[in-house]
Amino acid sequence: MKITALTENTSSNENIRCEHGLSLYIQSDKYNILFDMGQTNLFEENAEKLGLDLSLIDIAILSHGHYDHGGGLARFLQINSKANVYLNKHAFEPHYNGNKYIGLDISLKDSDRLIFTDDIFEISDGLTLYSCNDLKKPYHLGSFGLDMIQNKERMPDDFRHEHYLLIRENGKKILISGCSHKGIMNIAEWFKPDILIGGFHFSRLPLDSILKSYAETLNEYPTAFYTCHCTGVQQYEFMKTYMNRLNYISAGSTVSI
């Protein structure tokens, strides 16, 4: 399996541009999978430079309903005519960061290419989406200042619109997460994967004893972590001091499993 970052906040190659967002091209034994589409159409530009054909994508997944992961959705539906896009049934609900709308383009909601999922959805043998909405959270990290609209009222986001892709291949469990809003420590505990790729949503956290404790907790798992995007580069460097299996994946870089 190969996982290539098409877009991310940083770049590993001067020819590959970066943006605040995430898009991953996953080449498994059976499928070509696009996990998130970044903030803009940059994922397409970088895919072309990396020699990756988006028309060959068999399955597309939107991790949650934020613009920096689904901003390229309209473009993907144009350039790929076959792949369904799997997203949580709550993904098109309104989401805000302060006064800024950070949700998806609502005009895309009625596309017949979209498959809306609930708590557990098996795409294919070895590919399953989980929202984990009903699972106990040992760690409560709050809403990170992000809001949702429910029953016409604004309230802290509970991230019901976020789900995670579990890939079982060659005897390994590989978990792909967009931003891990429900808590990366919770996610590590729920799945106990061999490999976890995704953002930790720690970029606003100070480099202090709390972040150290989070790193030490994650280091107790045998999981190999490849983080990115909303983790924060400084936070990554700080956590790496306390973690033995923590790596960073930037736009243009590939993880081989």
C-alpha atoms as a PDB file:
ATOM      1  CA  MET A   1       0.000   0.000   0.000  1.00  0.00           C
ATOM      2  CA  LYS A   2       1.137   3.517  -0.813  1.00  0.00           C
ATOM      3  CA  ILE A   3      -0.334   6.678   0.684  1.00  0.00           C
ATOM      4  CA  THR A   4       0.646   9.977  -0.948  1.00  0.00           C
ATOM      5  CA  ALA A   5      -0.251  13.395   0.414  1.00  0.00           C
ATOM      6  CA  LEU A   6      -1.623  15.478  -2.456  1.00  0.00           C
ATOM      7  CA  THR A   7      -2.223  18.524  -0.256  1.00  0.00           C
ATOM      8  CA  GLU A   8      -1.152  19.381   3.267  1.00  0.00           C
ATOM      9  CA  ASN A   9      -0.081  22.485   5.180  1.00  0.00           C
ATOM     10  CA  THR A  10       3.570  21.908   4.301  1.00  0.00           C
ATOM     11  CA  SER A  11       5.416  20.566   1.263  1.00  0.00           C
ATOM     12  CA  SER A  12       8.292  18.135   0.891  1.00  0.00           C
ATOM     13  CA  ASN A  13       9.037  19.266  -2.677  1.00  0.00           C
ATOM     14  CA  GLU A  14       9.584  22.769  -4.071  1.00  0.00           C
ATOM     15  CA  ASN A  15       7.493  21.822  -7.107  1.00  0.00           C
ATOM     16  CA  ILE A  16       4.515  20.787  -4.962  1.00  0.00           C
ATOM     17  CA  ARG A  17       2.448  23.621  -3.537  1.00  0.00           C
ATOM     18  CA  CYS A  18       0.796  23.419  -0.142  1.00  0.00           C
ATOM     19  CA  GLU A  19      -2.303  24.841   1.535  1.00  0.00           C
ATOM     20  CA  HIS A  20      -4.190  24.584   4.819  1.00  0.00           C
ATOM     21  CA  GLY A  21      -6.031  21.370   4.076  1.00  0.00           C
ATOM     22  CA  LEU A  22      -5.607  17.664   3.465  1.00  0.00           C
ATOM     23  CA  SER A  23      -5.946  15.225   0.591  1.00  0.00           C
ATOM     24  CA  LEU A  24      -4.496  11.709   0.466  1.00  0.00           C
ATOM     25  CA  TYR A  25      -4.166   9.352  -2.521  1.00  0.00           C
ATOM     26  CA  ILE A  26      -4.270   5.772  -1.221  1.00  0.00           C
ATOM     27  CA  GLN A  27      -3.166   2.899  -3.467  1.00  0.00           C
ATOM     28  CA  SER A  28      -4.256  -0.325  -1.783  1.00  0.00           C
ATOM     29  CA  ASP A  29      -4.047  -3.843  -3.153  1.00  0.00           C
ATOM     30  CA  LYS A  30      -7.580  -3.583  -4.550  1.00  0.00           C
ATOM     31  CA  TYR A  31      -8.512   0.079  -4.886  1.00  0.00           C
ATOM     32  CA  ASN A  32      -7.321   3.580  -5.584  1.00  0.00           C
ATOM     33  CA  ILE A  33      -8.863   5.730  -2.842  1.00  0.00           C
ATOM     34  CA  LEU A  34      -9.030   9.506  -2.484  1.00  0.00           C
ATOM     35  CA  PHE A  35      -9.350  10.545   1.150  1.00  0.00           C
ATOM     36  CA  ASP A  36     -10.399  14.209   1.312  1.00  0.00           C
ATOM     37  CA  MET A  37      -9.957  16.831  -1.403  1.00  0.00           C
ATOM     38  CA  GLY A  38      -8.260  19.736   0.337  1.00  0.00           C
ATOM     39  CA  GLN A  39      -9.419  23.345   0.469  1.00  0.00           C
ATOM     40  CA  THR A  40      -9.185  24.155  -3.258  1.00  0.00           C
ATOM     41  CA  ASN A  41      -8.425  22.389  -6.542  1.00  0.00           C
ATOM     42  CA  LEU A  42      -4.744  22.173  -5.602  1.00  0.00           C
ATOM     43  CA  PHE A  43      -5.069  18.410  -5.027  1.00  0.00           C
ATOM     44  CA  GLU A  44      -5.589  18.018  -8.789  1.00  0.00           C
ATOM     45  CA  GLU A  45      -2.565  20.141  -9.701  1.00  0.00           C
ATOM     46  CA  ASN A  46      -0.295  18.243  -7.329  1.00  0.00           C
ATOM     47  CA  ALA A  47      -1.650  14.851  -8.424  1.00  0.00           C
ATOM     48  CA  GLU A  48      -0.683  15.661 -12.011  1.00  0.00           C
ATOM     49  CA  LYS A  49       2.832  16.694 -10.953  1.00  0.00           C
ATOM     50  CA  LEU A  50       3.192  13.467  -8.975  1.00  0.00           C
ATOM     51  CA  GLY A  51       1.975  11.311 -11.872  1.00  0.00           C
ATOM     52  CA  LEU A  52      -1.196  10.215 -10.084  1.00  0.00           C
ATOM     53  CA  ASP A  53      -4.330   9.972 -12.217  1.00  0.00           C
ATOM     54  CA  LEU A  54      -7.454  11.074 -10.340  1.00  0.00           C
ATOM     55  CA  SER A  55      -9.683   9.542 -13.021  1.00  0.00           C
ATOM     56  CA  LEU A  56      -8.474   6.149 -11.751  1.00  0.00           C
ATOM     57  CA  ILE A  57      -9.841   6.734  -8.252  1.00  0.00           C
ATOM     58  CA  ASP A  58     -12.335   3.967  -7.426  1.00  0.00           C
ATOM     59  CA  ILE A  59     -13.563   5.259  -4.064  1.00  0.00           C
ATOM     60  CA  ALA A  60     -13.574   8.750  -2.564  1.00  0.00           C
ATOM     61  CA  ILE A  61     -14.117   9.570   1.096  1.00  0.00           C
ATOM     62  CA  LEU A  62     -14.797  12.883   2.789  1.00  0.00           C
ATOM     63  CA  SER A  63     -13.701  12.655   6.419  1.00  0.00           C
ATOM     64  CA  HIS A  64     -15.916  15.461   7.734  1.00  0.00           C
ATOM     65  CA  GLY A  65     -17.870  18.523   6.722  1.00  0.00           C
ATOM     66  CA  HIS A  66     -15.189  21.240   6.755  1.00  0.00           C
ATOM     67  CA  TYR A  67     -14.055  23.309   3.762  1.00  0.00           C
ATOM     68  CA  ASP A  68     -10.348  22.464   4.112  1.00  0.00           C
ATOM     69  CA  HIS A  69     -11.147  18.801   3.441  1.00  0.00           C
ATOM     70  CA  GLY A  70     -14.074  19.125   1.041  1.00  0.00           C
ATOM     71  CA  GLY A  71     -13.305  22.319  -0.875  1.00  0.00           C
ATOM     72  CA  GLY A  72     -12.200  20.298  -3.897  1.00  0.00           C
ATOM     73  CA  LEU A  73     -15.312  18.106  -3.951  1.00  0.00           C
ATOM     74  CA  ALA A  74     -16.962  19.850  -6.914  1.00  0.00           C
ATOM     75  CA  ARG A  75     -13.804  19.557  -8.992  1.00  0.00           C
ATOM     76  CA  PHE A  76     -13.368  15.881  -8.141  1.00  0.00           C
ATOM     77  CA  LEU A  77     -16.910  15.119  -9.306  1.00  0.00           C
ATOM     78  CA  GLN A  78     -16.008  16.759 -12.622  1.00  0.00           C
ATOM     79  CA  ILE A  79     -12.721  14.991 -13.303  1.00  0.00           C
ATOM     80  CA  ASN A  80     -13.733  11.544 -12.080  1.00  0.00           C
ATOM     81  CA  SER A  81     -16.935  10.065 -13.478  1.00  0.00           C
ATOM     82  CA  LYS A  82     -17.042   6.721 -11.661  1.00  0.00           C
ATOM     83  CA  ALA A  83     -16.146   6.986  -7.976  1.00  0.00           C
ATOM     84  CA  ASN A  84     -18.817   7.458  -5.352  1.00  0.00           C
ATOM     85  CA  VAL A  85     -17.995   9.824  -2.500  1.00  0.00           C
ATOM     86  CA  TYR A  86     -18.738   8.501   0.990  1.00  0.00           C
ATOM     87  CA  LEU A  87     -19.489  11.070   3.677  1.00  0.00           C
ATOM     88  CA  ASN A  88     -21.333  11.134   6.959  1.00  0.00           C
ATOM     89  CA  LYS A  89     -25.034  11.997   6.877  1.00  0.00           C
ATOM     90  CA  HIS A  90     -24.322  15.099   9.009  1.00  0.00           C
ATOM     91  CA  ALA A  91     -21.540  16.435   6.765  1.00  0.00           C
ATOM     92  CA  PHE A  92     -23.619  19.162   5.088  1.00  0.00           C
ATOM     93  CA  GLU A  93     -24.894  20.631   8.338  1.00  0.00           C
ATOM     94  CA  PRO A  94     -23.654  24.224   8.912  1.00  0.00           C
ATOM     95  CA  HIS A  95     -20.299  24.583  10.679  1.00  0.00           C
ATOM     96  CA  TYR A  96     -18.574  27.732  11.905  1.00  0.00           C
ATOM     97  CA  ASN A  97     -15.294  28.970  13.323  1.00  0.00           C
ATOM     98  CA  GLY A  98     -16.311  32.208  14.998  1.00  0.00           C
ATOM     99  CA  ASN A  99     -18.193  34.173  12.353  1.00  0.00           C
ATOM    100  CA  LYS A 100     -16.581  32.253   9.493  1.00  0.00           C
ATOM    101  CA  TYR A 101     -18.600  29.556   7.733  1.00  0.00           C
ATOM    102  CA  ILE A 102     -16.307  26.536   7.393  1.00  0.00           C
ATOM    103  CA  GLY A 103     -18.821  24.030   6.046  1.00  0.00           C
ATOM    104  CA  LEU A 104     -19.262  22.466   2.621  1.00  0.00           C
ATOM    105  CA  ASP A 105     -20.797  23.869  -0.551  1.00  0.00           C
ATOM    106  CA  ILE A 106     -24.459  23.070   0.074  1.00  0.00           C
ATOM    107  CA  SER A 107     -25.222  23.116  -3.671  1.00  0.00           C
ATOM    108  CA  LEU A 108     -23.445  19.748  -3.981  1.00  0.00           C
ATOM    109  CA  LYS A 109     -25.696  17.981  -1.490  1.00  0.00           C
ATOM    110  CA  ASP A 110     -28.043  16.443  -4.054  1.00  0.00           C
ATOM    111  CA  SER A 111     -25.367  14.886  -6.257  1.00  0.00           C
ATOM    112  CA  ASP A 112     -26.214  11.272  -7.057  1.00  0.00           C
ATOM    113  CA  ARG A 113     -22.534  10.411  -6.546  1.00  0.00           C
ATOM    114  CA  LEU A 114     -22.717  11.013  -2.814  1.00  0.00           C
ATOM    115  CA  ILE A 115     -23.270   8.097  -0.425  1.00  0.00           C
ATOM    116  CA  PHE A 116     -24.320   9.211   3.054  1.00  0.00           C
ATOM    117  CA  THR A 117     -23.239   6.965   5.914  1.00  0.00           C
ATOM    118  CA  ASP A 118     -24.292   6.386   9.494  1.00  0.00           C
ATOM    119  CA  ASP A 119     -22.225   5.017  12.387  1.00  0.00           C
ATOM    120  CA  ILE A 120     -20.691   1.996  10.641  1.00  0.00           C
ATOM    121  CA  PHE A 121     -20.568   1.548   6.884  1.00  0.00           C
ATOM    122  CA  GLU A 122     -18.738  -1.249   5.091  1.00  0.00           C
ATOM    123  CA  ILE A 123     -17.667  -0.003   1.671  1.00  0.00           C
ATOM    124  CA  SER A 124     -16.054  -3.274   0.683  1.00  0.00           C
ATOM    125  CA  ASP A 125     -14.271  -6.194   2.254  1.00  0.00           C
ATOM    126  CA  GLY A 126     -11.480  -4.640   4.273  1.00  0.00           C
ATOM    127  CA  LEU A 127     -12.750  -1.046   3.960  1.00  0.00           C
ATOM    128  CA  THR A 128     -15.056   0.244   6.694  1.00  0.00           C
ATOM    129  CA  LEU A 129     -16.084   3.708   7.883  1.00  0.00           C
ATOM    130  CA  TYR A 130     -16.766   4.392  11.567  1.00  0.00           C
ATOM    131  CA  SER A 131     -18.180   7.555  13.137  1.00  0.00           C
ATOM    132  CA  CYS A 132     -17.790   6.315  16.748  1.00  0.00           C
ATOM    133  CA  ASN A 133     -20.519   8.742  17.800  1.00  0.00           C
ATOM    134  CA  ASP A 134     -21.856   6.436  20.489  1.00  0.00           C
ATOM    135  CA  LEU A 135     -18.533   5.356  21.980  1.00  0.00           C
ATOM    136  CA  LYS A 136     -17.293   6.512  25.378  1.00  0.00           C
ATOM    137  CA  LYS A 137     -14.612   9.206  25.256  1.00  0.00           C
ATOM    138  CA  PRO A 138     -11.930   8.732  27.923  1.00  0.00           C
ATOM    139  CA  TYR A 139     -10.518  12.125  26.870  1.00  0.00           C
ATOM    140  CA  HIS A 140     -12.649  15.240  26.390  1.00  0.00           C
ATOM    141  CA  LEU A 141     -10.869  17.943  24.406  1.00  0.00           C
ATOM    142  CA  GLY A 142     -13.873  20.198  23.772  1.00  0.00           C
ATOM    143  CA  SER A 143     -14.902  21.718  20.463  1.00  0.00           C
ATOM    144  CA  PHE A 144     -11.696  23.664  19.741  1.00  0.00           C
ATOM    145  CA  GLY A 145     -13.839  26.807  19.401  1.00  0.00           C
ATOM    146  CA  LEU A 146     -15.776  25.309  16.484  1.00  0.00           C
ATOM    147  CA  ASP A 147     -19.574  25.430  16.295  1.00  0.00           C
ATOM    148  CA  MET A 148     -22.461  23.699  14.563  1.00  0.00           C
ATOM    149  CA  ILE A 149     -26.099  24.602  13.992  1.00  0.00           C
ATOM    150  CA  GLN A 150     -28.670  22.221  15.469  1.00  0.00           C
ATOM    151  CA  ASN A 151     -32.406  22.897  15.617  1.00  0.00           C
ATOM    152  CA  LYS A 152     -31.613  26.424  14.394  1.00  0.00           C
ATOM    153  CA  GLU A 153     -29.395  27.023  17.426  1.00  0.00           C
ATOM    154  CA  ARG A 154     -25.659  27.512  17.438  1.00  0.00           C
ATOM    155  CA  MET A 155     -23.724  25.282  19.826  1.00  0.00           C
ATOM    156  CA  PRO A 156     -20.263  23.722  20.243  1.00  0.00           C
ATOM    157  CA  ASP A 157     -19.573  21.169  17.522  1.00  0.00           C
ATOM    158  CA  ASP A 158     -19.720  17.548  18.671  1.00  0.00           C
ATOM    159  CA  PHE A 159     -18.195  16.412  15.346  1.00  0.00           C
ATOM    160  CA  ARG A 160     -20.935  13.907  14.623  1.00  0.00           C
ATOM    161  CA  HIS A 161     -20.100  14.550  10.954  1.00  0.00           C
ATOM    162  CA  GLU A 162     -16.614  13.033  11.243  1.00  0.00           C
ATOM    163  CA  HIS A 163     -15.809   9.430  10.401  1.00  0.00           C
ATOM    164  CA  TYR A 164     -12.663   7.336  10.028  1.00  0.00           C
ATOM    165  CA  LEU A 165     -11.557   4.826   7.424  1.00  0.00           C
ATOM    166  CA  LEU A 166     -10.252   1.494   8.680  1.00  0.00           C
ATOM    167  CA  ILE A 167      -8.354  -0.519   6.079  1.00  0.00           C
ATOM    168  CA  ARG A 168      -7.536  -4.144   6.819  1.00  0.00           C
ATOM    169  CA  GLU A 169      -4.858  -5.370   4.439  1.00  0.00           C
ATOM    170  CA  ASN A 170      -2.098  -7.980   4.635  1.00  0.00           C
ATOM    171  CA  GLY A 171      -2.817  -8.627   8.300  1.00  0.00           C
ATOM    172  CA  LYS A 172      -2.555  -4.956   9.308  1.00  0.00           C
ATOM    173  CA  LYS A 173      -5.070  -2.399  10.510  1.00  0.00           C
ATOM    174  CA  ILE A 174      -4.479   1.017   8.921  1.00  0.00           C
ATOM    175  CA  LEU A 175      -6.652   3.860  10.175  1.00  0.00           C
ATOM    176  CA  ILE A 176      -7.040   7.092   8.204  1.00  0.00           C
ATOM    177  CA  SER A 177      -8.353  10.170  10.002  1.00  0.00           C
ATOM    178  CA  GLY A 178      -8.854  13.694   8.709  1.00  0.00           C
ATOM    179  CA  CYS A 179      -8.600  15.874  11.821  1.00  0.00           C
ATOM    180  CA  SER A 180      -9.358  13.524  14.737  1.00  0.00           C
ATOM    181  CA  HIS A 181     -11.709  16.094  16.281  1.00  0.00           C
ATOM    182  CA  LYS A 182     -13.131  13.469  18.627  1.00  0.00           C
ATOM    183  CA  GLY A 183      -9.703  13.143  20.217  1.00  0.00           C
ATOM    184  CA  ILE A 184      -6.666  11.346  18.849  1.00  0.00           C
ATOM    185  CA  MET A 185      -6.157   9.519  22.167  1.00  0.00           C
ATOM    186  CA  ASN A 186      -9.765   8.318  22.031  1.00  0.00           C
ATOM    187  CA  ILE A 187      -9.319   7.169  18.449  1.00  0.00           C
ATOM    188  CA  ALA A 188      -6.115   5.317  19.280  1.00  0.00           C
ATOM    189  CA  GLU A 189      -7.919   3.554  22.122  1.00  0.00           C
ATOM    190  CA  TRP A 190     -11.024   2.712  20.084  1.00  0.00           C
ATOM    191  CA  PHE A 191      -9.180   1.165  17.142  1.00  0.00           C
ATOM    192  CA  LYS A 192      -5.684   0.257  18.374  1.00  0.00           C
ATOM    193  CA  PRO A 193      -4.460   0.281  14.766  1.00  0.00           C
ATOM    194  CA  ASP A 194      -1.058  -0.828  13.550  1.00  0.00           C
ATOM    195  CA  ILE A 195      -0.743   2.431  11.593  1.00  0.00           C
ATOM    196  CA  LEU A 196      -2.643   5.700  12.013  1.00  0.00           C
ATOM    197  CA  ILE A 197      -2.423   8.504   9.465  1.00  0.00           C
ATOM    198  CA  GLY A 198      -4.068  11.868  10.030  1.00  0.00           C
ATOM    199  CA  GLY A 199      -4.160  15.185  11.847  1.00  0.00           C
ATOM    200  CA  PHE A 200      -4.239  15.417  15.642  1.00  0.00           C
ATOM    201  CA  HIS A 201      -5.845  18.882  15.870  1.00  0.00           C
ATOM    202  CA  PHE A 202      -3.249  20.128  18.356  1.00  0.00           C
ATOM    203  CA  SER A 203      -2.023  23.191  16.423  1.00  0.00           C
ATOM    204  CA  ARG A 204      -3.552  25.627  18.934  1.00  0.00           C
ATOM    205  CA  LEU A 205      -2.174  23.875  21.996  1.00  0.00           C
ATOM    206  CA  PRO A 206       0.826  25.308  23.881  1.00  0.00           C
ATOM    207  CA  LEU A 207       4.009  23.267  24.127  1.00  0.00           C
ATOM    208  CA  ASP A 208       3.527  22.367  27.763  1.00  0.00           C
ATOM    209  CA  SER A 209       2.998  19.521  30.219  1.00  0.00           C
ATOM    210  CA  ILE A 210      -0.498  18.808  28.850  1.00  0.00           C
ATOM    211  CA  LEU A 211       0.749  18.222  25.326  1.00  0.00           C
ATOM    212  CA  LYS A 212       3.597  16.167  26.779  1.00  0.00           C
ATOM    213  CA  SER A 213       1.073  13.961  28.571  1.00  0.00           C
ATOM    214  CA  TYR A 214      -0.868  13.484  25.324  1.00  0.00           C
ATOM    215  CA  ALA A 215       2.332  12.435  23.547  1.00  0.00           C
ATOM    216  CA  GLU A 216       3.261  10.021  26.320  1.00  0.00           C
ATOM    217  CA  THR A 217      -0.225   8.511  26.233  1.00  0.00           C
ATOM    218  CA  LEU A 218      -0.043   7.938  22.478  1.00  0.00           C
ATOM    219  CA  ASN A 219       3.427   6.472  22.822  1.00  0.00           C
ATOM    220  CA  GLU A 220       1.992   3.697  24.992  1.00  0.00           C
ATOM    221  CA  TYR A 221       0.296   2.251  21.917  1.00  0.00           C
ATOM    222  CA  PRO A 222       2.311   0.088  19.493  1.00  0.00           C
ATOM    223  CA  THR A 223       0.856   2.177  16.666  1.00  0.00           C
ATOM    224  CA  ALA A 224       3.040   3.885  14.061  1.00  0.00           C
ATOM    225  CA  PHE A 225       1.694   7.442  13.706  1.00  0.00           C
ATOM    226  CA  TYR A 226       1.980   9.583  10.568  1.00  0.00           C
ATOM    227  CA  THR A 227       0.576  12.964  11.388  1.00  0.00           C
ATOM    228  CA  CYS A 228      -0.058  16.116   9.359  1.00  0.00           C
ATOM    229  CA  HIS A 229      -2.246  19.170   8.750  1.00  0.00           C
ATOM    230  CA  CYS A 230      -3.952  20.335  11.961  1.00  0.00           C
ATOM    231  CA  THR A 231      -1.369  18.835  14.327  1.00  0.00           C
ATOM    232  CA  GLY A 232       0.933  21.831  13.896  1.00  0.00           C
ATOM    233  CA  VAL A 233       4.611  21.585  12.966  1.00  0.00           C
ATOM    234  CA  GLN A 234       5.826  22.941  16.304  1.00  0.00           C
ATOM    235  CA  GLN A 235       3.512  20.605  18.174  1.00  0.00           C
ATOM    236  CA  TYR A 236       4.771  17.693  16.080  1.00  0.00           C
ATOM    237  CA  GLU A 237       8.405  18.512  16.845  1.00  0.00           C
ATOM    238  CA  PHE A 238       7.579  18.810  20.549  1.00  0.00           C
ATOM    239  CA  MET A 239       5.647  15.521  20.662  1.00  0.00           C
ATOM    240  CA  LYS A 240       8.323  13.671  18.721  1.00  0.00           C
ATOM    241  CA  THR A 241      10.613  14.158  21.706  1.00  0.00           C
ATOM    242  CA  TYR A 242       8.292  11.887  23.695  1.00  0.00           C
ATOM    243  CA  MET A 243       7.163   9.475  20.983  1.00  0.00           C
ATOM    244  CA  ASN A 244       9.144   6.678  19.339  1.00  0.00           C
ATOM    245  CA  ARG A 245       6.916   6.093  16.315  1.00  0.00           C
ATOM    246  CA  LEU A 246       5.775   9.561  15.269  1.00  0.00           C
ATOM    247  CA  ASN A 247       6.363  10.786  11.712  1.00  0.00           C
ATOM    248  CA  TYR A 248       5.142  13.681   9.565  1.00  0.00           C
ATOM    249  CA  ILE A 249       3.694  13.432   6.066  1.00  0.00           C
ATOM    250  CA  SER A 250       3.827  16.565   3.883  1.00  0.00           C
ATOM    251  CA  ALA A 251       2.385  17.312   0.445  1.00  0.00           C
ATOM    252  CA  GLY A 252       4.323  15.328  -2.126  1.00  0.00           C
ATOM    253  CA  SER A 253       5.565  12.661   0.280  1.00  0.00           C
ATOM    254  CA  THR A 254       4.570   8.981   0.264  1.00  0.00           C
ATOM    255  CA  VAL A 255       4.224   6.391   2.998  1.00  0.00           C
ATOM    256  CA  SER A 256       4.776   2.783   1.881  1.00  0.00           C
ATOM    257  CA  ILE A 257       3.163   0.090   4.029  1.00  0.00           C
END
